[in-house]
Amino acid sequence: QVQLVESGGGLVQAGGSLRLSCAASGRTFLTYYMGWFRQAPGQEREFVAAITWSSGSTYYADSVKGRFTISRDNAGNTVHLQMNSLKPEDTAVYYCAARIKYGSNSLHLPSEYAYWGQGTQVTVSS
């Protein structure tokens, strides 16, 4: 019902910046929140950031506050993740996700999101 495609991943040196994009299509009117998650080898999938699609309210994991910025483009059905001051520990596959339930609680839980993109690799070298 909602299709998500990530782009913008790549290789960057520590301290550099990268901008990820997630294009949504299909029945996007079902979406209340868009989120970014990441998963490193041997690690659980963890929450990075989320945004309310209609109002633009944002939410961040403590590990990325002050460095990452999530934003939306309703006209283009696109959400972005601007990543600055990247660290090697930011290396992971980054996933875009759509949450169709209303309510700002539990936004950090992957199980709260019904639709997922295929992921884009972000590698930060030291």
PDB file of N, CA and C in Angstrom:
ATOM      1  N   GLN A   1       0.828  -1.210   0.000  1.00  0.00           N
ATOM      2  CA  GLN A   1       0.000   0.000   0.000  1.00  0.00           C
ATOM      3  C   GLN A   1       0.858   1.254   0.000  1.00  0.00           C
ATOM      4  N   VAL A   2       2.005   1.202   0.671  1.00  0.00           N
ATOM      5  CA  VAL A   2       2.963   2.299   0.683  1.00  0.00           C
ATOM      6  C   VAL A   2       4.313   1.741   0.270  1.00  0.00           C
ATOM      7  N   GLN A   3       4.899   2.316  -0.754  1.00  0.00           N
ATOM      8  CA  GLN A   3       6.196   1.882  -1.251  1.00  0.00           C
ATOM      9  C   GLN A   3       7.248   2.935  -0.929  1.00  0.00           C
ATOM     10  N   LEU A   4       8.395   2.483  -0.446  1.00  0.00           N
ATOM     11  CA  LEU A   4       9.459   3.375  -0.016  1.00  0.00           C
ATOM     12  C   LEU A   4      10.761   3.001  -0.711  1.00  0.00           C
ATOM     13  N   VAL A   5      11.479   4.005  -1.193  1.00  0.00           N
ATOM     14  CA  VAL A   5      12.751   3.793  -1.862  1.00  0.00           C
ATOM     15  C   VAL A   5      13.775   4.769  -1.297  1.00  0.00           C
ATOM     16  N   GLU A   6      14.850   4.236  -0.702  1.00  0.00           N
ATOM     17  CA  GLU A   6      15.907   5.062  -0.143  1.00  0.00           C
ATOM     18  C   GLU A   6      16.987   5.332  -1.187  1.00  0.00           C
ATOM     19  N   SER A   7      17.681   6.449  -1.009  1.00  0.00           N
ATOM     20  CA  SER A   7      18.814   6.777  -1.853  1.00  0.00           C
ATOM     21  C   SER A   7      19.749   7.700  -1.081  1.00  0.00           C
ATOM     22  N   GLY A   8      20.974   7.852  -1.563  1.00  0.00           N
ATOM     23  CA  GLY A   8      21.914   8.787  -0.984  1.00  0.00           C
ATOM     24  C   GLY A   8      23.007   8.176  -0.135  1.00  0.00           C
ATOM     25  N   GLY A   9      22.972   6.875   0.081  1.00  0.00           N
ATOM     26  CA  GLY A   9      24.008   6.238   0.869  1.00  0.00           C
ATOM     27  C   GLY A   9      25.332   6.207   0.130  1.00  0.00           C
ATOM     28  N   GLY A  10      26.395   5.942   0.877  1.00  0.00           N
ATOM     29  CA  GLY A  10      27.714   5.888   0.274  1.00  0.00           C
ATOM     30  C   GLY A  10      28.810   5.855   1.306  1.00  0.00           C
ATOM     31  N   LEU A  11      30.020   6.125   0.855  1.00  0.00           N
ATOM     32  CA  LEU A  11      31.209   6.130   1.700  1.00  0.00           C
ATOM     33  C   LEU A  11      31.631   7.563   1.976  1.00  0.00           C
ATOM     34  N   VAL A  12      31.881   7.866   3.249  1.00  0.00           N
ATOM     35  CA  VAL A  12      32.290   9.205   3.645  1.00  0.00           C
ATOM     36  C   VAL A  12      33.292   9.099   4.787  1.00  0.00           C
ATOM     37  N   GLN A  13      34.197  10.056   4.873  1.00  0.00           N
ATOM     38  CA  GLN A  13      35.166  10.088   5.955  1.00  0.00           C
ATOM     39  C   GLN A  13      34.545  10.636   7.235  1.00  0.00           C
ATOM     40  N   ALA A  14      35.105  10.246   8.361  1.00  0.00           N
ATOM     41  CA  ALA A  14      34.636  10.753   9.646  1.00  0.00           C
ATOM     42  C   ALA A  14      34.656  12.277   9.651  1.00  0.00           C
ATOM     43  N   GLY A  15      33.591  12.871  10.182  1.00  0.00           N
ATOM     44  CA  GLY A  15      33.447  14.309  10.199  1.00  0.00           C
ATOM     45  C   GLY A  15      32.723  14.865   8.990  1.00  0.00           C
ATOM     46  N   GLY A  16      32.498  14.035   7.996  1.00  0.00           N
ATOM     47  CA  GLY A  16      31.827  14.466   6.787  1.00  0.00           C
ATOM     48  C   GLY A  16      30.319  14.426   6.911  1.00  0.00           C
ATOM     49  N   SER A  17      29.658  14.711   5.792  1.00  0.00           N
ATOM     50  CA  SER A  17      28.199  14.785   5.758  1.00  0.00           C
ATOM     51  C   SER A  17      27.642  13.927   4.640  1.00  0.00           C
ATOM     52  N   LEU A  18      26.401  13.520   4.818  1.00  0.00           N
ATOM     53  CA  LEU A  18      25.699  12.728   3.827  1.00  0.00           C
ATOM     54  C   LEU A  18      24.209  13.031   3.958  1.00  0.00           C
ATOM     55  N   ARG A  19      23.502  13.022   2.841  1.00  0.00           N
ATOM     56  CA  ARG A  19      22.069  13.303   2.844  1.00  0.00           C
ATOM     57  C   ARG A  19      21.326  12.125   2.237  1.00  0.00           C
ATOM     58  N   LEU A  20      20.469  11.504   3.023  1.00  0.00           N
ATOM     59  CA  LEU A  20      19.653  10.396   2.568  1.00  0.00           C
ATOM     60  C   LEU A  20      18.263  10.894   2.188  1.00  0.00           C
ATOM     61  N   SER A  21      17.658  10.241   1.214  1.00  0.00           N
ATOM     62  CA  SER A  21      16.306  10.573   0.796  1.00  0.00           C
ATOM     63  C   SER A  21      15.465   9.312   0.739  1.00  0.00           C
ATOM     64  N   CYS A  22      14.188   9.466   1.014  1.00  0.00           N
ATOM     65  CA  CYS A  22      13.234   8.368   0.949  1.00  0.00           C
ATOM     66  C   CYS A  22      12.009   8.843   0.195  1.00  0.00           C
ATOM     67  N   ALA A  23      11.765   8.251  -0.950  1.00  0.00           N
ATOM     68  CA  ALA A  23      10.616   8.602  -1.768  1.00  0.00           C
ATOM     69  C   ALA A  23       9.469   7.639  -1.489  1.00  0.00           C
ATOM     70  N   ALA A  24       8.318   8.192  -1.147  1.00  0.00           N
ATOM     71  CA  ALA A  24       7.140   7.390  -0.837  1.00  0.00           C
ATOM     72  C   ALA A  24       6.135   7.458  -1.976  1.00  0.00           C
ATOM     73  N   SER A  25       5.514   6.337  -2.253  1.00  0.00           N
ATOM     74  CA  SER A  25       4.493   6.282  -3.286  1.00  0.00           C
ATOM     75  C   SER A  25       3.392   5.322  -2.854  1.00  0.00           C
ATOM     76  N   GLY A  26       2.319   5.296  -3.617  1.00  0.00           N
ATOM     77  CA  GLY A  26       1.184   4.462  -3.274  1.00  0.00           C
ATOM     78  C   GLY A  26       0.189   5.232  -2.423  1.00  0.00           C
ATOM     79  N   ARG A  27      -0.385   4.561  -1.439  1.00  0.00           N
ATOM     80  CA  ARG A  27      -1.409   5.165  -0.592  1.00  0.00           C
ATOM     81  C   ARG A  27      -0.764   5.906   0.578  1.00  0.00           C
ATOM     82  N   THR A  28      -0.058   6.971   0.238  1.00  0.00           N
ATOM     83  CA  THR A  28       0.693   7.713   1.243  1.00  0.00           C
ATOM     84  C   THR A  28      -0.195   8.460   2.230  1.00  0.00           C
ATOM     85  N   PHE A  29      -1.477   8.619   1.917  1.00  0.00           N
ATOM     86  CA  PHE A  29      -2.384   9.278   2.850  1.00  0.00           C
ATOM     87  C   PHE A  29      -2.590   8.461   4.117  1.00  0.00           C
ATOM     88  N   LEU A  30      -2.205   7.214   4.102  1.00  0.00           N
ATOM     89  CA  LEU A  30      -2.298   6.361   5.284  1.00  0.00           C
ATOM     90  C   LEU A  30      -1.202   6.653   6.307  1.00  0.00           C
ATOM     91  N   THR A  31      -0.165   7.351   5.900  1.00  0.00           N
ATOM     92  CA  THR A  31       1.017   7.533   6.725  1.00  0.00           C
ATOM     93  C   THR A  31       0.878   8.728   7.655  1.00  0.00           C
ATOM     94  N   TYR A  32       1.103   8.496   8.962  1.00  0.00           N
ATOM     95  CA  TYR A  32       1.140   9.562   9.947  1.00  0.00           C
ATOM     96  C   TYR A  32       2.570   9.945  10.316  1.00  0.00           C
ATOM     97  N   TYR A  33       3.467   8.966  10.321  1.00  0.00           N
ATOM     98  CA  TYR A  33       4.859   9.193  10.665  1.00  0.00           C
ATOM     99  C   TYR A  33       5.762   8.509   9.646  1.00  0.00           C
ATOM    100  N   MET A  34       6.898   9.149   9.388  1.00  0.00           N
ATOM    101  CA  MET A  34       7.973   8.544   8.626  1.00  0.00           C
ATOM    102  C   MET A  34       9.187   8.456   9.532  1.00  0.00           C
ATOM    103  N   GLY A  35       9.892   7.348   9.467  1.00  0.00           N
ATOM    104  CA  GLY A  35      11.030   7.151  10.340  1.00  0.00           C
ATOM    105  C   GLY A  35      12.256   6.645   9.611  1.00  0.00           C
ATOM    106  N   TRP A  36      13.403   6.862  10.241  1.00  0.00           N
ATOM    107  CA  TRP A  36      14.665   6.298   9.792  1.00  0.00           C
ATOM    108  C   TRP A  36      15.205   5.377  10.885  1.00  0.00           C
ATOM    109  N   PHE A  37      15.600   4.189  10.484  1.00  0.00           N
ATOM    110  CA  PHE A  37      16.245   3.227  11.364  1.00  0.00           C
ATOM    111  C   PHE A  37      17.569   2.820  10.746  1.00  0.00           C
ATOM    112  N   ARG A  38      18.431   2.215  11.549  1.00  0.00           N
ATOM    113  CA  ARG A  38      19.698   1.723  11.024  1.00  0.00           C
ATOM    114  C   ARG A  38      20.050   0.403  11.693  1.00  0.00           C
ATOM    115  N   GLN A  39      20.817  -0.403  10.984  1.00  0.00           N
ATOM    116  CA  GLN A  39      21.223  -1.700  11.502  1.00  0.00           C
ATOM    117  C   GLN A  39      22.654  -1.993  11.080  1.00  0.00           C
ATOM    118  N   ALA A  40      23.520  -2.160  12.060  1.00  0.00           N
ATOM    119  CA  ALA A  40      24.904  -2.523  11.837  1.00  0.00           C
ATOM    120  C   ALA A  40      25.056  -4.033  11.973  1.00  0.00           C
ATOM    121  N   PRO A  41      26.113  -4.617  11.402  1.00  0.00           N
ATOM    122  CA  PRO A  41      26.315  -6.059  11.513  1.00  0.00           C
ATOM    123  C   PRO A  41      26.329  -6.540  12.955  1.00  0.00           C
ATOM    124  N   GLY A  42      25.545  -7.564  13.246  1.00  0.00           N
ATOM    125  CA  GLY A  42      25.482  -8.117  14.581  1.00  0.00           C
ATOM    126  C   GLY A  42      24.680  -7.305  15.574  1.00  0.00           C
ATOM    127  N   GLN A  43      24.043  -6.237  15.121  1.00  0.00           N
ATOM    128  CA  GLN A  43      23.280  -5.360  16.002  1.00  0.00           C
ATOM    129  C   GLN A  43      21.798  -5.415  15.670  1.00  0.00           C
ATOM    130  N   GLU A  44      20.989  -5.020  16.642  1.00  0.00           N
ATOM    131  CA  GLU A  44      19.561  -4.900  16.409  1.00  0.00           C
ATOM    132  C   GLU A  44      19.278  -3.642  15.602  1.00  0.00           C
ATOM    133  N   ARG A  45      18.167  -3.651  14.894  1.00  0.00           N
ATOM    134  CA  ARG A  45      17.747  -2.464  14.184  1.00  0.00           C
ATOM    135  C   ARG A  45      17.360  -1.389  15.194  1.00  0.00           C
ATOM    136  N   GLU A  46      17.943  -0.196  15.076  1.00  0.00           N
ATOM    137  CA  GLU A  46      17.711   0.849  16.050  1.00  0.00           C
ATOM    138  C   GLU A  46      17.113   2.101  15.422  1.00  0.00           C
ATOM    139  N   PHE A  47      16.359   2.811  16.228  1.00  0.00           N
ATOM    140  CA  PHE A  47      15.702   4.039  15.816  1.00  0.00           C
ATOM    141  C   PHE A  47      16.706   5.164  15.648  1.00  0.00           C
ATOM    142  N   VAL A  48      16.527   5.958  14.610  1.00  0.00           N
ATOM    143  CA  VAL A  48      17.372   7.120  14.358  1.00  0.00           C
ATOM    144  C   VAL A  48      16.576   8.415  14.482  1.00  0.00           C
ATOM    145  N   ALA A  49      15.496   8.534  13.720  1.00  0.00           N
ATOM    146  CA  ALA A  49      14.699   9.757  13.717  1.00  0.00           C
ATOM    147  C   ALA A  49      13.327   9.479  13.132  1.00  0.00           C
ATOM    148  N   ALA A  50      12.368  10.344  13.439  1.00  0.00           N
ATOM    149  CA  ALA A  50      11.030  10.233  12.881  1.00  0.00           C
ATOM    150  C   ALA A  50      10.439  11.619  12.713  1.00  0.00           C
ATOM    151  N   ILE A  51       9.440  11.720  11.859  1.00  0.00           N
ATOM    152  CA  ILE A  51       8.777  12.988  11.595  1.00  0.00           C
ATOM    153  C   ILE A  51       7.295  12.758  11.364  1.00  0.00           C
ATOM    154  N   THR A  52       6.473  13.655  11.893  1.00  0.00           N
ATOM    155  CA  THR A  52       5.045  13.620  11.608  1.00  0.00           C
ATOM    156  C   THR A  52       4.831  14.150  10.199  1.00  0.00           C
ATOM    157  N   TRP A  53       4.190  13.368   9.360  1.00  0.00           N
ATOM    158  CA  TRP A  53       4.081  13.728   7.949  1.00  0.00           C
ATOM    159  C   TRP A  53       3.320  15.029   7.739  1.00  0.00           C
ATOM    160  N   SER A  54       2.265  15.253   8.511  1.00  0.00           N
ATOM    161  CA  SER A  54       1.424  16.425   8.305  1.00  0.00           C
ATOM    162  C   SER A  54       1.964  17.685   8.969  1.00  0.00           C
ATOM    163  N   SER A  55       2.434  17.584  10.213  1.00  0.00           N
ATOM    164  CA  SER A  55       2.849  18.760  10.969  1.00  0.00           C
ATOM    165  C   SER A  55       4.344  19.046  10.907  1.00  0.00           C
ATOM    166  N   GLY A  56       5.153  18.040  10.665  1.00  0.00           N
ATOM    167  CA  GLY A  56       6.591  18.221  10.631  1.00  0.00           C
ATOM    168  C   GLY A  56       7.279  18.094  11.976  1.00  0.00           C
ATOM    169  N   SER A  57       6.572  17.685  13.022  1.00  0.00           N
ATOM    170  CA  SER A  57       7.198  17.462  14.318  1.00  0.00           C
ATOM    171  C   SER A  57       8.246  16.371  14.202  1.00  0.00           C
ATOM    172  N   THR A  58       9.377  16.565  14.859  1.00  0.00           N
ATOM    173  CA  THR A  58      10.498  15.641  14.713  1.00  0.00           C
ATOM    174  C   THR A  58      10.879  14.998  16.034  1.00  0.00           C
ATOM    175  N   TYR A  59      11.493  13.825  15.922  1.00  0.00           N
ATOM    176  CA  TYR A  59      11.923  13.043  17.075  1.00  0.00           C
ATOM    177  C   TYR A  59      13.268  12.412  16.724  1.00  0.00           C
ATOM    178  N   TYR A  60      14.192  12.382  17.697  1.00  0.00           N
ATOM    179  CA  TYR A  60      15.540  11.885  17.435  1.00  0.00           C
ATOM    180  C   TYR A  60      16.026  10.960  18.535  1.00  0.00           C
ATOM    181  N   ALA A  61      16.832   9.991  18.138  1.00  0.00           N
ATOM    182  CA  ALA A  61      17.565   9.203  19.106  1.00  0.00           C
ATOM    183  C   ALA A  61      18.646  10.072  19.737  1.00  0.00           C
ATOM    184  N   ASP A  62      18.960   9.808  21.005  1.00  0.00           N
ATOM    185  CA  ASP A  62      19.965  10.607  21.698  1.00  0.00           C
ATOM    186  C   ASP A  62      21.316  10.578  20.989  1.00  0.00           C
ATOM    187  N   SER A  63      21.635   9.472  20.348  1.00  0.00           N
ATOM    188  CA  SER A  63      22.933   9.306  19.720  1.00  0.00           C
ATOM    189  C   SER A  63      23.150  10.207  18.509  1.00  0.00           C
ATOM    190  N   VAL A  64      22.072  10.758  17.950  1.00  0.00           N
ATOM    191  CA  VAL A  64      22.202  11.567  16.737  1.00  0.00           C
ATOM    192  C   VAL A  64      21.727  13.001  16.919  1.00  0.00           C
ATOM    193  N   LYS A  65      21.208  13.346  18.091  1.00  0.00           N
ATOM    194  CA  LYS A  65      20.736  14.711  18.328  1.00  0.00           C
ATOM    195  C   LYS A  65      21.868  15.712  18.137  1.00  0.00           C
ATOM    196  N   GLY A  66      21.574  16.780  17.416  1.00  0.00           N
ATOM    197  CA  GLY A  66      22.565  17.795  17.142  1.00  0.00           C
ATOM    198  C   GLY A  66      23.407  17.519  15.920  1.00  0.00           C
ATOM    199  N   ARG A  67      23.345  16.308  15.389  1.00  0.00           N
ATOM    200  CA  ARG A  67      24.115  15.940  14.199  1.00  0.00           C
ATOM    201  C   ARG A  67      23.238  15.625  12.994  1.00  0.00           C
ATOM    202  N   PHE A  68      22.118  14.957  13.233  1.00  0.00           N
ATOM    203  CA  PHE A  68      21.211  14.559  12.150  1.00  0.00           C
ATOM    204  C   PHE A  68      19.965  15.432  12.163  1.00  0.00           C
ATOM    205  N   THR A  69      19.407  15.671  10.986  1.00  0.00           N
ATOM    206  CA  THR A  69      18.172  16.424  10.847  1.00  0.00           C
ATOM    207  C   THR A  69      17.242  15.710   9.880  1.00  0.00           C
ATOM    208  N   ILE A  70      16.030  15.425  10.324  1.00  0.00           N
ATOM    209  CA  ILE A  70      15.027  14.826   9.457  1.00  0.00           C
ATOM    210  C   ILE A  70      14.089  15.918   8.970  1.00  0.00           C
ATOM    211  N   SER A  71      13.695  15.858   7.718  1.00  0.00           N
ATOM    212  CA  SER A  71      12.806  16.850   7.146  1.00  0.00           C
ATOM    213  C   SER A  71      11.873  16.181   6.145  1.00  0.00           C
ATOM    214  N   ARG A  72      10.832  16.900   5.759  1.00  0.00           N
ATOM    215  CA  ARG A  72       9.839  16.351   4.846  1.00  0.00           C
ATOM    216  C   ARG A  72       9.597  17.268   3.659  1.00  0.00           C
ATOM    217  N   ASP A  73       9.120  16.670   2.595  1.00  0.00           N
ATOM    218  CA  ASP A  73       8.720  17.390   1.397  1.00  0.00           C
ATOM    219  C   ASP A  73       7.398  16.769   0.960  1.00  0.00           C
ATOM    220  N   ASN A  74       6.297  17.338   1.452  1.00  0.00           N
ATOM    221  CA  ASN A  74       4.980  16.767   1.172  1.00  0.00           C
ATOM    222  C   ASN A  74       4.649  16.772  -0.313  1.00  0.00           C
ATOM    223  N   ALA A  75       5.038  17.841  -1.008  1.00  0.00           N
ATOM    224  CA  ALA A  75       4.735  17.946  -2.429  1.00  0.00           C
ATOM    225  C   ALA A  75       5.384  16.826  -3.225  1.00  0.00           C
ATOM    226  N   GLY A  76       6.600  16.458  -2.817  1.00  0.00           N
ATOM    227  CA  GLY A  76       7.311  15.405  -3.507  1.00  0.00           C
ATOM    228  C   GLY A  76       7.229  14.055  -2.829  1.00  0.00           C
ATOM    229  N   ASN A  77       6.450  13.964  -1.740  1.00  0.00           N
ATOM    230  CA  ASN A  77       6.305  12.723  -0.982  1.00  0.00           C
ATOM    231  C   ASN A  77       7.662  12.145  -0.602  1.00  0.00           C
ATOM    232  N   THR A  78       8.525  13.009  -0.104  1.00  0.00           N
ATOM    233  CA  THR A  78       9.892  12.625   0.202  1.00  0.00           C
ATOM    234  C   THR A  78      10.282  13.069   1.608  1.00  0.00           C
ATOM    235  N   VAL A  79      11.016  12.226   2.295  1.00  0.00           N
ATOM    236  CA  VAL A  79      11.596  12.570   3.588  1.00  0.00           C
ATOM    237  C   VAL A  79      13.112  12.469   3.461  1.00  0.00           C
ATOM    238  N   HIS A  80      13.825  13.375   4.127  1.00  0.00           N
ATOM    239  CA  HIS A  80      15.279  13.436   4.035  1.00  0.00           C
ATOM    240  C   HIS A  80      15.901  13.263   5.412  1.00  0.00           C
ATOM    241  N   LEU A  81      17.115  12.770   5.420  1.00  0.00           N
ATOM    242  CA  LEU A  81      17.914  12.698   6.634  1.00  0.00           C
ATOM    243  C   LEU A  81      19.273  13.307   6.337  1.00  0.00           C
ATOM    244  N   GLN A  82      19.493  14.514   6.838  1.00  0.00           N
ATOM    245  CA  GLN A  82      20.782  15.179   6.700  1.00  0.00           C
ATOM    246  C   GLN A  82      21.673  14.741   7.849  1.00  0.00           C
ATOM    247  N   MET A  83      22.799  14.136   7.534  1.00  0.00           N
ATOM    248  CA  MET A  83      23.701  13.599   8.534  1.00  0.00           C
ATOM    249  C   MET A  83      25.013  14.376   8.488  1.00  0.00           C
ATOM    250  N   ASN A  84      25.316  15.069   9.579  1.00  0.00           N
ATOM    251  CA  ASN A  84      26.545  15.842   9.699  1.00  0.00           C
ATOM    252  C   ASN A  84      27.421  15.260  10.800  1.00  0.00           C
ATOM    253  N   SER A  85      28.686  15.644  10.786  1.00  0.00           N
ATOM    254  CA  SER A  85      29.646  15.191  11.800  1.00  0.00           C
ATOM    255  C   SER A  85      29.596  13.683  11.972  1.00  0.00           C
ATOM    256  N   LEU A  86      29.632  12.982  10.868  1.00  0.00           N
ATOM    257  CA  LEU A  86      29.495  11.531  10.895  1.00  0.00           C
ATOM    258  C   LEU A  86      30.663  10.865  11.612  1.00  0.00           C
ATOM    259  N   LYS A  87      30.339   9.791  12.313  1.00  0.00           N
ATOM    260  CA  LYS A  87      31.307   9.016  13.069  1.00  0.00           C
ATOM    261  C   LYS A  87      31.341   7.588  12.533  1.00  0.00           C
ATOM    262  N   PRO A  88      32.450   6.876  12.729  1.00  0.00           N
ATOM    263  CA  PRO A  88      32.499   5.479  12.281  1.00  0.00           C
ATOM    264  C   PRO A  88      31.366   4.634  12.851  1.00  0.00           C
ATOM    265  N   GLU A  89      30.918   4.934  14.061  1.00  0.00           N
ATOM    266  CA  GLU A  89      29.833   4.174  14.657  1.00  0.00           C
ATOM    267  C   GLU A  89      28.481   4.428  14.006  1.00  0.00           C
ATOM    268  N   ASP A  90      28.408   5.403  13.093  1.00  0.00           N
ATOM    269  CA  ASP A  90      27.198   5.618  12.314  1.00  0.00           C
ATOM    270  C   ASP A  90      27.092   4.649  11.139  1.00  0.00           C
ATOM    271  N   THR A  91      28.135   3.893  10.889  1.00  0.00           N
ATOM    272  CA  THR A  91      28.134   2.940   9.786  1.00  0.00           C
ATOM    273  C   THR A  91      27.048   1.892   9.983  1.00  0.00           C
ATOM    274  N   ALA A  92      26.181   1.750   8.991  1.00  0.00           N
ATOM    275  CA  ALA A  92      25.061   0.820   9.074  1.00  0.00           C
ATOM    276  C   ALA A  92      24.279   0.869   7.772  1.00  0.00           C
ATOM    277  N   VAL A  93      23.352  -0.056   7.635  1.00  0.00           N
ATOM    278  CA  VAL A  93      22.346   0.042   6.594  1.00  0.00           C
ATOM    279  C   VAL A  93      21.201   0.877   7.155  1.00  0.00           C
ATOM    280  N   TYR A  94      20.840   1.916   6.445  1.00  0.00           N
ATOM    281  CA  TYR A  94      19.789   2.820   6.888  1.00  0.00           C
ATOM    282  C   TYR A  94      18.494   2.511   6.148  1.00  0.00           C
ATOM    283  N   TYR A  95      17.410   2.379   6.911  1.00  0.00           N
ATOM    284  CA  TYR A  95      16.109   2.029   6.372  1.00  0.00           C
ATOM    285  C   TYR A  95      15.101   3.145   6.597  1.00  0.00           C
ATOM    286  N   CYS A  96      14.298   3.401   5.603  1.00  0.00           N
ATOM    287  CA  CYS A  96      13.161   4.292   5.713  1.00  0.00           C
ATOM    288  C   CYS A  96      11.923   3.460   6.036  1.00  0.00           C
ATOM    289  N   ALA A  97      11.039   3.982   6.880  1.00  0.00           N
ATOM    290  CA  ALA A  97       9.852   3.246   7.288  1.00  0.00           C
ATOM    291  C   ALA A  97       8.661   4.175   7.438  1.00  0.00           C
ATOM    292  N   ALA A  98       7.469   3.623   7.243  1.00  0.00           N
ATOM    293  CA  ALA A  98       6.223   4.369   7.365  1.00  0.00           C
ATOM    294  C   ALA A  98       5.351   3.758   8.451  1.00  0.00           C
ATOM    295  N   ARG A  99       4.833   4.616   9.331  1.00  0.00           N
ATOM    296  CA  ARG A  99       3.947   4.205  10.415  1.00  0.00           C
ATOM    297  C   ARG A  99       2.559   4.730  10.124  1.00  0.00           C
ATOM    298  N   ILE A 100       1.563   3.847  10.125  1.00  0.00           N
ATOM    299  CA  ILE A 100       0.203   4.252   9.791  1.00  0.00           C
ATOM    300  C   ILE A 100      -0.649   4.511  11.029  1.00  0.00           C
ATOM    301  N   LYS A 101      -0.168   4.168  12.210  1.00  0.00           N
ATOM    302  CA  LYS A 101      -0.900   4.421  13.442  1.00  0.00           C
ATOM    303  C   LYS A 101      -0.657   5.843  13.929  1.00  0.00           C
ATOM    304  N   TYR A 102      -1.676   6.423  14.568  1.00  0.00           N
ATOM    305  CA  TYR A 102      -1.556   7.756  15.130  1.00  0.00           C
ATOM    306  C   TYR A 102      -1.118   7.672  16.588  1.00  0.00           C
ATOM    307  N   GLY A 103      -0.273   8.619  16.998  1.00  0.00           N
ATOM    308  CA  GLY A 103       0.227   8.651  18.361  1.00  0.00           C
ATOM    309  C   GLY A 103       1.738   8.703  18.373  1.00  0.00           C
ATOM    310  N   SER A 104       2.310   9.592  19.179  1.00  0.00           N
ATOM    311  CA  SER A 104       3.750   9.813  19.167  1.00  0.00           C
ATOM    312  C   SER A 104       4.525   8.859  20.069  1.00  0.00           C
ATOM    313  N   ASN A 105       3.835   8.054  20.847  1.00  0.00           N
ATOM    314  CA  ASN A 105       4.527   7.112  21.705  1.00  0.00           C
ATOM    315  C   ASN A 105       4.998   5.901  20.911  1.00  0.00           C
ATOM    316  N   SER A 106       6.070   5.292  21.371  1.00  0.00           N
ATOM    317  CA  SER A 106       6.625   4.061  20.800  1.00  0.00           C
ATOM    318  C   SER A 106       7.146   4.231  19.376  1.00  0.00           C
ATOM    319  N   LEU A 107       7.496   5.446  18.990  1.00  0.00           N
ATOM    320  CA  LEU A 107       8.010   5.676  17.649  1.00  0.00           C
ATOM    321  C   LEU A 107       9.385   5.040  17.433  1.00  0.00           C
ATOM    322  N   HIS A 108      10.062   4.674  18.500  1.00  0.00           N
ATOM    323  CA  HIS A 108      11.386   4.081  18.397  1.00  0.00           C
ATOM    324  C   HIS A 108      11.353   2.581  18.112  1.00  0.00           C
ATOM    325  N   LEU A 109      10.176   1.980  18.119  1.00  0.00           N
ATOM    326  CA  LEU A 109      10.051   0.537  17.949  1.00  0.00           C
ATOM    327  C   LEU A 109       9.824   0.176  16.483  1.00  0.00           C
ATOM    328  N   PRO A 110      10.683  -0.661  15.905  1.00  0.00           N
ATOM    329  CA  PRO A 110      10.477  -1.078  14.511  1.00  0.00           C
ATOM    330  C   PRO A 110       9.118  -1.713  14.260  1.00  0.00           C
ATOM    331  N   SER A 111       8.578  -2.407  15.267  1.00  0.00           N
ATOM    332  CA  SER A 111       7.295  -3.076  15.109  1.00  0.00           C
ATOM    333  C   SER A 111       6.138  -2.109  14.899  1.00  0.00           C
ATOM    334  N   GLU A 112       6.334  -0.844  15.190  1.00  0.00           N
ATOM    335  CA  GLU A 112       5.301   0.163  15.009  1.00  0.00           C
ATOM    336  C   GLU A 112       5.159   0.596  13.550  1.00  0.00           C
ATOM    337  N   TYR A 113       6.082   0.211  12.703  1.00  0.00           N
ATOM    338  CA  TYR A 113       6.096   0.652  11.312  1.00  0.00           C
ATOM    339  C   TYR A 113       5.691  -0.481  10.385  1.00  0.00           C
ATOM    340  N   ALA A 114       4.738  -0.203   9.516  1.00  0.00           N
ATOM    341  CA  ALA A 114       4.155  -1.236   8.672  1.00  0.00           C
ATOM    342  C   ALA A 114       4.896  -1.436   7.354  1.00  0.00           C
ATOM    343  N   TYR A 115       5.549  -0.400   6.850  1.00  0.00           N
ATOM    344  CA  TYR A 115       6.178  -0.460   5.536  1.00  0.00           C
ATOM    345  C   TYR A 115       7.626  -0.024   5.625  1.00  0.00           C
ATOM    346  N   TRP A 116       8.477  -0.715   4.869  1.00  0.00           N
ATOM    347  CA  TRP A 116       9.922  -0.495   4.912  1.00  0.00           C
ATOM    348  C   TRP A 116      10.522  -0.446   3.516  1.00  0.00           C
ATOM    349  N   GLY A 117      11.549   0.373   3.371  1.00  0.00           N
ATOM    350  CA  GLY A 117      12.341   0.363   2.164  1.00  0.00           C
ATOM    351  C   GLY A 117      13.374  -0.740   2.215  1.00  0.00           C
ATOM    352  N   GLN A 118      14.152  -0.873   1.147  1.00  0.00           N
ATOM    353  CA  GLN A 118      15.146  -1.933   1.059  1.00  0.00           C
ATOM    354  C   GLN A 118      16.462  -1.583   1.754  1.00  0.00           C
ATOM    355  N   GLY A 119      16.652  -0.333   2.112  1.00  0.00           N
ATOM    356  CA  GLY A 119      17.841   0.073   2.832  1.00  0.00           C
ATOM    357  C   GLY A 119      18.917   0.637   1.919  1.00  0.00           C
ATOM    358  N   THR A 120      19.758   1.498   2.487  1.00  0.00           N
ATOM    359  CA  THR A 120      20.896   2.051   1.777  1.00  0.00           C
ATOM    360  C   THR A 120      22.104   2.045   2.713  1.00  0.00           C
ATOM    361  N   GLN A 121      23.245   1.614   2.199  1.00  0.00           N
ATOM    362  CA  GLN A 121      24.445   1.462   3.014  1.00  0.00           C
ATOM    363  C   GLN A 121      25.129   2.802   3.237  1.00  0.00           C
ATOM    364  N   VAL A 122      25.452   3.080   4.498  1.00  0.00           N
ATOM    365  CA  VAL A 122      26.246   4.242   4.873  1.00  0.00           C
ATOM    366  C   VAL A 122      27.501   3.738   5.563  1.00  0.00           C
ATOM    367  N   THR A 123      28.653   4.085   5.021  1.00  0.00           N
ATOM    368  CA  THR A 123      29.925   3.670   5.595  1.00  0.00           C
ATOM    369  C   THR A 123      30.756   4.900   5.917  1.00  0.00           C
ATOM    370  N   VAL A 124      31.172   5.018   7.169  1.00  0.00           N
ATOM    371  CA  VAL A 124      31.977   6.145   7.624  1.00  0.00           C
ATOM    372  C   VAL A 124      33.356   5.619   7.990  1.00  0.00           C
ATOM    373  N   SER A 125      34.367   6.063   7.283  1.00  0.00           N
ATOM    374  CA  SER A 125      35.729   5.607   7.517  1.00  0.00           C
ATOM    375  C   SER A 125      36.418   6.474   8.555  1.00  0.00           C
ATOM    376  N   SER A 126      37.326   5.873   9.315  1.00  0.00           N
ATOM    377  CA  SER A 126      38.057   6.582  10.347  1.00  0.00           C
ATOM    378  C   SER A 126      39.395   7.077   9.849  1.00  0.00           C
TER     379      SER A 126
END
